PDB file of N, CA and C in Angstrom:
ATOM      1  N   MET A   1     -38.160-108.992 -76.207  1.00  0.00           N
ATOM      2  CA  MET A   1     -39.513-108.482 -76.197  1.00  0.00           C
ATOM      3  C   MET A   1     -40.344-109.242 -77.237  1.00  0.00           C
ATOM      4  N   ALA A   2     -41.501-109.653 -76.835  1.00  0.00           N
ATOM      5  CA  ALA A   2     -42.375-110.413 -77.735  1.00  0.00           C
ATOM      6  C   ALA A   2     -42.968-109.480 -78.790  1.00  0.00           C
ATOM      7  N   ASP A   3     -43.116-110.027 -79.978  1.00  0.00           N
ATOM      8  CA  ASP A   3     -43.730-109.241 -81.052  1.00  0.00           C
ATOM      9  C   ASP A   3     -45.200-109.023 -80.748  1.00  0.00           C
ATOM     10  N   LYS A   4     -45.601-107.794 -80.874  1.00  0.00           N
ATOM     11  CA  LYS A   4     -47.019-107.487 -80.673  1.00  0.00           C
ATOM     12  C   LYS A   4     -47.694-107.465 -82.038  1.00  0.00           C
ATOM     13  N   LYS A   5     -48.749-108.213 -82.154  1.00  0.00           N
ATOM     14  CA  LYS A   5     -49.515-108.199 -83.394  1.00  0.00           C
ATOM     15  C   LYS A   5     -50.649-107.203 -83.250  1.00  0.00           C
ATOM     16  N   LYS A   6     -50.847-106.435 -84.302  1.00  0.00           N
ATOM     17  CA  LYS A   6     -51.975-105.515 -84.280  1.00  0.00           C
ATOM     18  C   LYS A   6     -53.251-106.318 -84.417  1.00  0.00           C
ATOM     19  N   LYS A   7     -54.201-106.013 -83.580  1.00  0.00           N
ATOM     20  CA  LYS A   7     -55.492-106.684 -83.676  1.00  0.00           C
ATOM     21  C   LYS A   7     -56.268-106.036 -84.812  1.00  0.00           C
ATOM     22  N   ARG A   8     -56.662-106.837 -85.779  1.00  0.00           N
ATOM     23  CA  ARG A   8     -57.398-106.334 -86.930  1.00  0.00           C
ATOM     24  C   ARG A   8     -58.886-106.472 -86.670  1.00  0.00           C
ATOM     25  N   THR A   9     -59.576-105.414 -86.921  1.00  0.00           N
ATOM     26  CA  THR A   9     -61.017-105.414 -86.753  1.00  0.00           C
ATOM     27  C   THR A   9     -61.666-105.944 -88.015  1.00  0.00           C
ATOM     28  N   LYS A  10     -62.567-106.879 -87.860  1.00  0.00           N
ATOM     29  CA  LYS A  10     -63.309-107.395 -89.006  1.00  0.00           C
ATOM     30  C   LYS A  10     -64.593-106.600 -89.156  1.00  0.00           C
ATOM     31  N   VAL A  11     -64.885-106.234 -90.381  1.00  0.00           N
ATOM     32  CA  VAL A  11     -66.071-105.438 -90.660  1.00  0.00           C
ATOM     33  C   VAL A  11     -66.939-106.196 -91.647  1.00  0.00           C
ATOM     34  N   ARG A  12     -68.204-106.273 -91.361  1.00  0.00           N
ATOM     35  CA  ARG A  12     -69.148-106.909 -92.278  1.00  0.00           C
ATOM     36  C   ARG A  12     -70.046-105.822 -92.827  1.00  0.00           C
ATOM     37  N   VAL A  13     -70.163-105.771 -94.143  1.00  0.00           N
ATOM     38  CA  VAL A  13     -71.003-104.752 -94.759  1.00  0.00           C
ATOM     39  C   VAL A  13     -72.188-105.401 -95.443  1.00  0.00           C
ATOM     40  N   GLU A  14     -73.218-104.629 -95.542  1.00  0.00           N
ATOM     41  CA  GLU A  14     -74.443-105.127 -96.148  1.00  0.00           C
ATOM     42  C   GLU A  14     -75.219-103.939 -96.691  1.00  0.00           C
ATOM     43  N   ARG A  15     -75.798-104.101 -97.856  1.00  0.00           N
ATOM     44  CA  ARG A  15     -76.657-103.038 -98.410  1.00  0.00           C
ATOM     45  C   ARG A  15     -78.028-103.164 -97.773  1.00  0.00           C
ATOM     46  N   ILE A  16     -78.552-102.062 -97.321  1.00  0.00           N
ATOM     47  CA  ILE A  16     -79.888-102.111 -96.724  1.00  0.00           C
ATOM     48  C   ILE A  16     -80.984-101.808 -97.729  1.00  0.00           C
ATOM     49  N   ASP A  17     -80.592-101.359 -98.933  1.00  0.00           N
ATOM     50  CA  ASP A  17     -81.607-101.006 -99.914  1.00  0.00           C
ATOM     51  C   ASP A  17     -81.842-102.094-100.954  1.00  0.00           C
ATOM     52  N   THR A  18     -81.293-103.292-100.742  1.00  0.00           N
ATOM     53  CA  THR A  18     -81.567-104.402-101.636  1.00  0.00           C
ATOM     54  C   THR A  18     -82.119-105.581-100.850  1.00  0.00           C
ATOM     55  N   LYS A  19     -82.897-106.398-101.516  1.00  0.00           N
ATOM     56  CA  LYS A  19     -83.517-107.543-100.859  1.00  0.00           C
ATOM     57  C   LYS A  19     -82.487-108.517-100.314  1.00  0.00           C
ATOM     58  N   CYS A  20     -81.417-108.749-101.075  1.00  0.00           N
ATOM     59  CA  CYS A  20     -80.429-109.758-100.678  1.00  0.00           C
ATOM     60  C   CYS A  20     -79.335-109.195 -99.777  1.00  0.00           C
ATOM     61  N   GLY A  21     -79.153-107.873 -99.751  1.00  0.00           N
ATOM     62  CA  GLY A  21     -78.118-107.270 -98.921  1.00  0.00           C
ATOM     63  C   GLY A  21     -76.718-107.408 -99.484  1.00  0.00           C
ATOM     64  N   ALA A  22     -76.593-107.906-100.716  1.00  0.00           N
ATOM     65  CA  ALA A  22     -75.277-108.170-101.300  1.00  0.00           C
ATOM     66  C   ALA A  22     -74.476-106.897-101.541  1.00  0.00           C
ATOM     67  N   VAL A  23     -73.188-107.006-101.319  1.00  0.00           N
ATOM     68  CA  VAL A  23     -72.262-105.952-101.702  1.00  0.00           C
ATOM     69  C   VAL A  23     -71.288-106.614-102.658  1.00  0.00           C
ATOM     70  N   ASP A  24     -71.560-106.478-103.921  1.00  0.00           N
ATOM     71  CA  ASP A  24     -70.754-107.133-104.940  1.00  0.00           C
ATOM     72  C   ASP A  24     -70.810-106.274-106.193  1.00  0.00           C
ATOM     73  N   HIS A  25     -70.006-106.606-107.194  1.00  0.00           N
ATOM     74  CA  HIS A  25     -70.082-105.888-108.464  1.00  0.00           C
ATOM     75  C   HIS A  25     -71.350-106.340-109.175  1.00  0.00           C
ATOM     76  N   MET A  26     -72.246-105.405-109.459  1.00  0.00           N
ATOM     77  CA  MET A  26     -73.522-105.729-110.088  1.00  0.00           C
ATOM     78  C   MET A  26     -73.777-104.796-111.256  1.00  0.00           C
ATOM     79  N   THR A  27     -74.474-105.309-112.254  1.00  0.00           N
ATOM     80  CA  THR A  27     -74.874-104.473-113.382  1.00  0.00           C
ATOM     81  C   THR A  27     -76.086-103.641-112.969  1.00  0.00           C
ATOM     82  N   VAL A  28     -76.411-102.656-113.791  1.00  0.00           N
ATOM     83  CA  VAL A  28     -77.572-101.807-113.541  1.00  0.00           C
ATOM     84  C   VAL A  28     -78.839-102.663-113.416  1.00  0.00           C
ATOM     85  N   ASP A  29     -78.996-103.628-114.318  1.00  0.00           N
ATOM     86  CA  ASP A  29     -80.181-104.487-114.283  1.00  0.00           C
ATOM     87  C   ASP A  29     -80.247-105.325-113.009  1.00  0.00           C
ATOM     88  N   GLU A  30     -79.096-105.829-112.546  1.00  0.00           N
ATOM     89  CA  GLU A  30     -79.077-106.610-111.306  1.00  0.00           C
ATOM     90  C   GLU A  30     -79.451-105.744-110.107  1.00  0.00           C
ATOM     91  N   ILE A  31     -78.957-104.517-110.080  1.00  0.00           N
ATOM     92  CA  ILE A  31     -79.285-103.610-108.978  1.00  0.00           C
ATOM     93  C   ILE A  31     -80.776-103.295-108.987  1.00  0.00           C
ATOM     94  N   ARG A  32     -81.319-102.996-110.179  1.00  0.00           N
ATOM     95  CA  ARG A  32     -82.759-102.699-110.282  1.00  0.00           C
ATOM     96  C   ARG A  32     -83.609-103.875-109.826  1.00  0.00           C
ATOM     97  N   SER A  33     -83.211-105.101-110.196  1.00  0.00           N
ATOM     98  CA  SER A  33     -84.019-106.274-109.839  1.00  0.00           C
ATOM     99  C   SER A  33     -83.987-106.564-108.341  1.00  0.00           C
ATOM    100  N   ARG A  34     -82.950-106.118-107.659  1.00  0.00           N
ATOM    101  CA  ARG A  34     -82.826-106.388-106.225  1.00  0.00           C
ATOM    102  C   ARG A  34     -83.251-105.208-105.354  1.00  0.00           C
ATOM    103  N   ALA A  35     -83.536-104.077-105.987  1.00  0.00           N
ATOM    104  CA  ALA A  35     -83.824-102.857-105.239  1.00  0.00           C
ATOM    105  C   ALA A  35     -85.178-102.914-104.553  1.00  0.00           C
ATOM    106  N   ILE A  36     -85.219-102.231-103.431  1.00  0.00           N
ATOM    107  CA  ILE A  36     -86.466-102.089-102.687  1.00  0.00           C
ATOM    108  C   ILE A  36     -86.894-100.632-102.817  1.00  0.00           C
ATOM    109  N   GLY A  37     -88.088-100.406-103.284  1.00  0.00           N
ATOM    110  CA  GLY A  37     -88.595 -99.049-103.408  1.00  0.00           C
ATOM    111  C   GLY A  37     -88.275 -98.423-104.754  1.00  0.00           C
ATOM    112  N   PRO A  38     -88.886 -97.250-105.003  1.00  0.00           N
ATOM    113  CA  PRO A  38     -88.758 -96.607-106.310  1.00  0.00           C
ATOM    114  C   PRO A  38     -87.425 -95.880-106.531  1.00  0.00           C
ATOM    115  N   ASP A  39     -86.775 -95.442-105.463  1.00  0.00           N
ATOM    116  CA  ASP A  39     -85.511 -94.717-105.602  1.00  0.00           C
ATOM    117  C   ASP A  39     -84.358 -95.710-105.656  1.00  0.00           C
ATOM    118  N   VAL A  40     -83.720 -95.787-106.823  1.00  0.00           N
ATOM    119  CA  VAL A  40     -82.657 -96.767-107.022  1.00  0.00           C
ATOM    120  C   VAL A  40     -81.364 -96.051-107.358  1.00  0.00           C
ATOM    121  N   GLU A  41     -80.318 -96.299-106.580  1.00  0.00           N
ATOM    122  CA  GLU A  41     -78.981 -95.792-106.862  1.00  0.00           C
ATOM    123  C   GLU A  41     -78.311 -96.827-107.760  1.00  0.00           C
ATOM    124  N   LEU A  42     -77.983 -96.442-108.988  1.00  0.00           N
ATOM    125  CA  LEU A  42     -77.494 -97.402-109.964  1.00  0.00           C
ATOM    126  C   LEU A  42     -75.983 -97.585-109.966  1.00  0.00           C
ATOM    127  N   ALA A  43     -75.278 -96.912-109.073  1.00  0.00           N
ATOM    128  CA  ALA A  43     -73.835 -97.105-108.983  1.00  0.00           C
ATOM    129  C   ALA A  43     -73.555 -98.434-108.287  1.00  0.00           C
ATOM    130  N   CYS A  44     -72.524 -99.116-108.747  1.00  0.00           N
ATOM    131  CA  CYS A  44     -72.121-100.405-108.184  1.00  0.00           C
ATOM    132  C   CYS A  44     -71.832-100.245-106.692  1.00  0.00           C
ATOM    133  N   PRO A  45     -72.368-101.118-105.858  1.00  0.00           N
ATOM    134  CA  PRO A  45     -72.148-100.982-104.425  1.00  0.00           C
ATOM    135  C   PRO A  45     -70.700-101.211-104.005  1.00  0.00           C
ATOM    136  N   ARG A  46     -69.938-101.918-104.796  1.00  0.00           N
ATOM    137  CA  ARG A  46     -68.560-102.211-104.419  1.00  0.00           C
ATOM    138  C   ARG A  46     -67.599-101.120-104.852  1.00  0.00           C
ATOM    139  N   CYS A  47     -67.708-100.632-106.086  1.00  0.00           N
ATOM    140  CA  CYS A  47     -66.697 -99.690-106.580  1.00  0.00           C
ATOM    141  C   CYS A  47     -67.252 -98.310-106.925  1.00  0.00           C
ATOM    142  N   GLY A  48     -68.573 -98.167-106.972  1.00  0.00           N
ATOM    143  CA  GLY A  48     -69.161 -96.866-107.257  1.00  0.00           C
ATOM    144  C   GLY A  48     -69.321 -96.554-108.733  1.00  0.00           C
ATOM    145  N   GLU A  49     -68.847 -97.439-109.605  1.00  0.00           N
ATOM    146  CA  GLU A  49     -69.002 -97.228-111.041  1.00  0.00           C
ATOM    147  C   GLU A  49     -70.362 -97.750-111.492  1.00  0.00           C
ATOM    148  N   ILE A  50     -70.730 -97.434-112.727  1.00  0.00           N
ATOM    149  CA  ILE A  50     -71.974 -97.951-113.291  1.00  0.00           C
ATOM    150  C   ILE A  50     -71.611 -98.990-114.344  1.00  0.00           C
ATOM    151  N   HIS A  51     -72.020-100.235-114.120  1.00  0.00           N
ATOM    152  CA  HIS A  51     -71.732-101.337-115.029  1.00  0.00           C
ATOM    153  C   HIS A  51     -72.987-101.640-115.838  1.00  0.00           C
ATOM    154  N   LEU A  52     -72.907-101.459-117.144  1.00  0.00           N
ATOM    155  CA  LEU A  52     -74.062-101.704-117.997  1.00  0.00           C
ATOM    156  C   LEU A  52     -74.155-103.160-118.431  1.00  0.00           C
ATOM    157  N   THR A  53     -73.039-103.870-118.457  1.00  0.00           N
ATOM    158  CA  THR A  53     -73.048-105.262-118.906  1.00  0.00           C
ATOM    159  C   THR A  53     -72.359-106.162-117.881  1.00  0.00           C
ATOM    160  N   ASP A  54     -72.561-107.474-118.044  1.00  0.00           N
ATOM    161  CA  ASP A  54     -71.878-108.442-117.184  1.00  0.00           C
ATOM    162  C   ASP A  54     -70.364-108.344-117.366  1.00  0.00           C
ATOM    163  N   GLU A  55     -69.938-108.064-118.590  1.00  0.00           N
ATOM    164  CA  GLU A  55     -68.502-107.937-118.859  1.00  0.00           C
ATOM    165  C   GLU A  55     -67.901-106.781-118.062  1.00  0.00           C
ATOM    166  N   ASP A  56     -68.642-105.662-117.953  1.00  0.00           N
ATOM    167  CA  ASP A  56     -68.165-104.527-117.158  1.00  0.00           C
ATOM    168  C   ASP A  56     -67.984-104.929-115.703  1.00  0.00           C
ATOM    169  N   ALA A  57     -68.961-105.646-115.161  1.00  0.00           N
ATOM    170  CA  ALA A  57     -68.902-106.061-113.761  1.00  0.00           C
ATOM    171  C   ALA A  57     -67.763-107.052-113.539  1.00  0.00           C
ATOM    172  N   CYS A  58     -67.562-107.982-114.445  1.00  0.00           N
ATOM    173  CA  CYS A  58     -66.470-108.960-114.327  1.00  0.00           C
ATOM    174  C   CYS A  58     -65.112-108.273-114.413  1.00  0.00           C
ATOM    175  N   GLU A  59     -65.002-107.296-115.302  1.00  0.00           N
ATOM    176  CA  GLU A  59     -63.751-106.549-115.439  1.00  0.00           C
ATOM    177  C   GLU A  59     -63.437-105.790-114.146  1.00  0.00           C
ATOM    178  N   ALA A  60     -64.441-105.189-113.558  1.00  0.00           N
ATOM    179  CA  ALA A  60     -64.245-104.456-112.308  1.00  0.00           C
ATOM    180  C   ALA A  60     -63.850-105.404-111.180  1.00  0.00           C
ATOM    181  N   ALA A  61     -64.465-106.572-111.133  1.00  0.00           N
ATOM    182  CA  ALA A  61     -64.146-107.549-110.092  1.00  0.00           C
ATOM    183  C   ALA A  61     -62.715-108.068-110.232  1.00  0.00           C
ATOM    184  N   ALA A  62     -62.199-108.093-111.457  1.00  0.00           N
ATOM    185  CA  ALA A  62     -60.855-108.607-111.697  1.00  0.00           C
ATOM    186  C   ALA A  62     -59.763-107.593-111.341  1.00  0.00           C
ATOM    187  N   ARG A  63     -60.128-106.313-111.302  1.00  0.00           N
ATOM    188  CA  ARG A  63     -59.134-105.289-110.977  1.00  0.00           C
ATOM    189  C   ARG A  63     -58.702-105.395-109.531  1.00  0.00           C
ATOM    190  N   LYS A  64     -57.443-105.165-109.285  1.00  0.00           N
ATOM    191  CA  LYS A  64     -56.946-105.178-107.907  1.00  0.00           C
ATOM    192  C   LYS A  64     -57.325-103.866-107.241  1.00  0.00           C
ATOM    193  N   ILE A  65     -57.795-103.962-106.033  1.00  0.00           N
ATOM    194  CA  ILE A  65     -58.177-102.766-105.285  1.00  0.00           C
ATOM    195  C   ILE A  65     -56.960-101.906-104.997  1.00  0.00           C
ATOM    196  N   SER A  66     -55.791-102.517-104.799  1.00  0.00           N
ATOM    197  CA  SER A  66     -54.589-101.760-104.460  1.00  0.00           C
ATOM    198  C   SER A  66     -54.031-100.967-105.629  1.00  0.00           C
ATOM    199  N   ASP A  67     -54.557-101.176-106.835  1.00  0.00           N
ATOM    200  CA  ASP A  67     -54.118-100.420-107.999  1.00  0.00           C
ATOM    201  C   ASP A  67     -54.889 -99.119-108.168  1.00  0.00           C
ATOM    202  N   ARG A  68     -55.896 -98.899-107.372  1.00  0.00           N
ATOM    203  CA  ARG A  68     -56.744 -97.719-107.530  1.00  0.00           C
ATOM    204  C   ARG A  68     -56.201 -96.531-106.740  1.00  0.00           C
ATOM    205  N   GLU A  69     -56.426 -95.342-107.281  1.00  0.00           N
ATOM    206  CA  GLU A  69     -55.931 -94.111-106.655  1.00  0.00           C
ATOM    207  C   GLU A  69     -56.527 -93.904-105.267  1.00  0.00           C
ATOM    208  N   LYS A  70     -57.813 -94.221-105.104  1.00  0.00           N
ATOM    209  CA  LYS A  70     -58.460 -94.035-103.806  1.00  0.00           C
ATOM    210  C   LYS A  70     -57.784 -94.893-102.740  1.00  0.00           C
ATOM    211  N   PHE A  71     -57.444 -96.137-103.077  1.00  0.00           N
ATOM    212  CA  PHE A  71     -56.769 -97.020-102.137  1.00  0.00           C
ATOM    213  C   PHE A  71     -55.416 -96.447-101.747  1.00  0.00           C
ATOM    214  N   LYS A  72     -54.668 -95.953-102.749  1.00  0.00           N
ATOM    215  CA  LYS A  72     -53.341 -95.401-102.483  1.00  0.00           C
ATOM    216  C   LYS A  72     -53.422 -94.195-101.552  1.00  0.00           C
ATOM    217  N   ALA A  73     -54.430 -93.351-101.763  1.00  0.00           N
ATOM    218  CA  ALA A  73     -54.598 -92.169-100.910  1.00  0.00           C
ATOM    219  C   ALA A  73     -54.938 -92.573 -99.479  1.00  0.00           C
ATOM    220  N   ILE A  74     -55.808 -93.542 -99.316  1.00  0.00           N
ATOM    221  CA  ILE A  74     -56.183 -94.011 -97.978  1.00  0.00           C
ATOM    222  C   ILE A  74     -54.979 -94.635 -97.282  1.00  0.00           C
ATOM    223  N   LYS A  75     -54.193 -95.407 -98.032  1.00  0.00           N
ATOM    224  CA  LYS A  75     -53.016 -96.075 -97.477  1.00  0.00           C
ATOM    225  C   LYS A  75     -51.999 -95.037 -97.000  1.00  0.00           C
ATOM    226  N   GLU A  76     -51.734 -94.015 -97.821  1.00  0.00           N
ATOM    227  CA  GLU A  76     -50.805 -92.962 -97.438  1.00  0.00           C
ATOM    228  C   GLU A  76     -51.265 -92.240 -96.183  1.00  0.00           C
ATOM    229  N   GLU A  77     -52.556 -91.950 -96.119  1.00  0.00           N
ATOM    230  CA  GLU A  77     -53.107 -91.262 -94.946  1.00  0.00           C
ATOM    231  C   GLU A  77     -52.937 -92.125 -93.693  1.00  0.00           C
ATOM    232  N   ALA A  78     -53.201 -93.409 -93.805  1.00  0.00           N
ATOM    233  CA  ALA A  78     -53.068 -94.312 -92.669  1.00  0.00           C
ATOM    234  C   ALA A  78     -51.611 -94.419 -92.209  1.00  0.00           C
ATOM    235  N   GLU A  79     -50.688 -94.456 -93.156  1.00  0.00           N
ATOM    236  CA  GLU A  79     -49.280 -94.546 -92.815  1.00  0.00           C
ATOM    237  C   GLU A  79     -48.786 -93.274 -92.129  1.00  0.00           C
ATOM    238  N   GLU A  80     -49.288 -92.127 -92.570  1.00  0.00           N
ATOM    239  CA  GLU A  80     -48.929 -90.864 -91.940  1.00  0.00           C
ATOM    240  C   GLU A  80     -49.425 -90.798 -90.505  1.00  0.00           C
ATOM    241  N   GLU A  81     -50.644 -91.287 -90.279  1.00  0.00           N
ATOM    242  CA  GLU A  81     -51.212 -91.289 -88.935  1.00  0.00           C
ATOM    243  C   GLU A  81     -50.470 -92.246 -88.009  1.00  0.00           C
ATOM    244  N   ALA A  82     -49.934 -93.324 -88.578  1.00  0.00           N
ATOM    245  CA  ALA A  82     -49.222 -94.317 -87.768  1.00  0.00           C
ATOM    246  C   ALA A  82     -47.861 -93.805 -87.290  1.00  0.00           C
ATOM    247  N   GLU A  83     -47.294 -92.844 -88.007  1.00  0.00           N
ATOM    248  CA  GLU A  83     -45.961 -92.327 -87.657  1.00  0.00           C
ATOM    249  C   GLU A  83     -45.982 -91.421 -86.478  1.00  0.00           C
TER     250      GLU A  83
END
């Protein structure tokens, strides 16, 4: 029997509330400078944290996503559904 590969769906994300549409680790100042309109959500679009400095954003970008509790919970849920 031939091995069946799971077809992976590719997803493209984009922020609709910023001029550039970027989804990346950004500081509060970067988010404010790119925001459209007076209502600005200052949480990082990638991880949901608030980065006050460039060092905070770089540190967040360096962290592995698989080390986070949210990732582990999603992975466990997906594995349970697959069984």
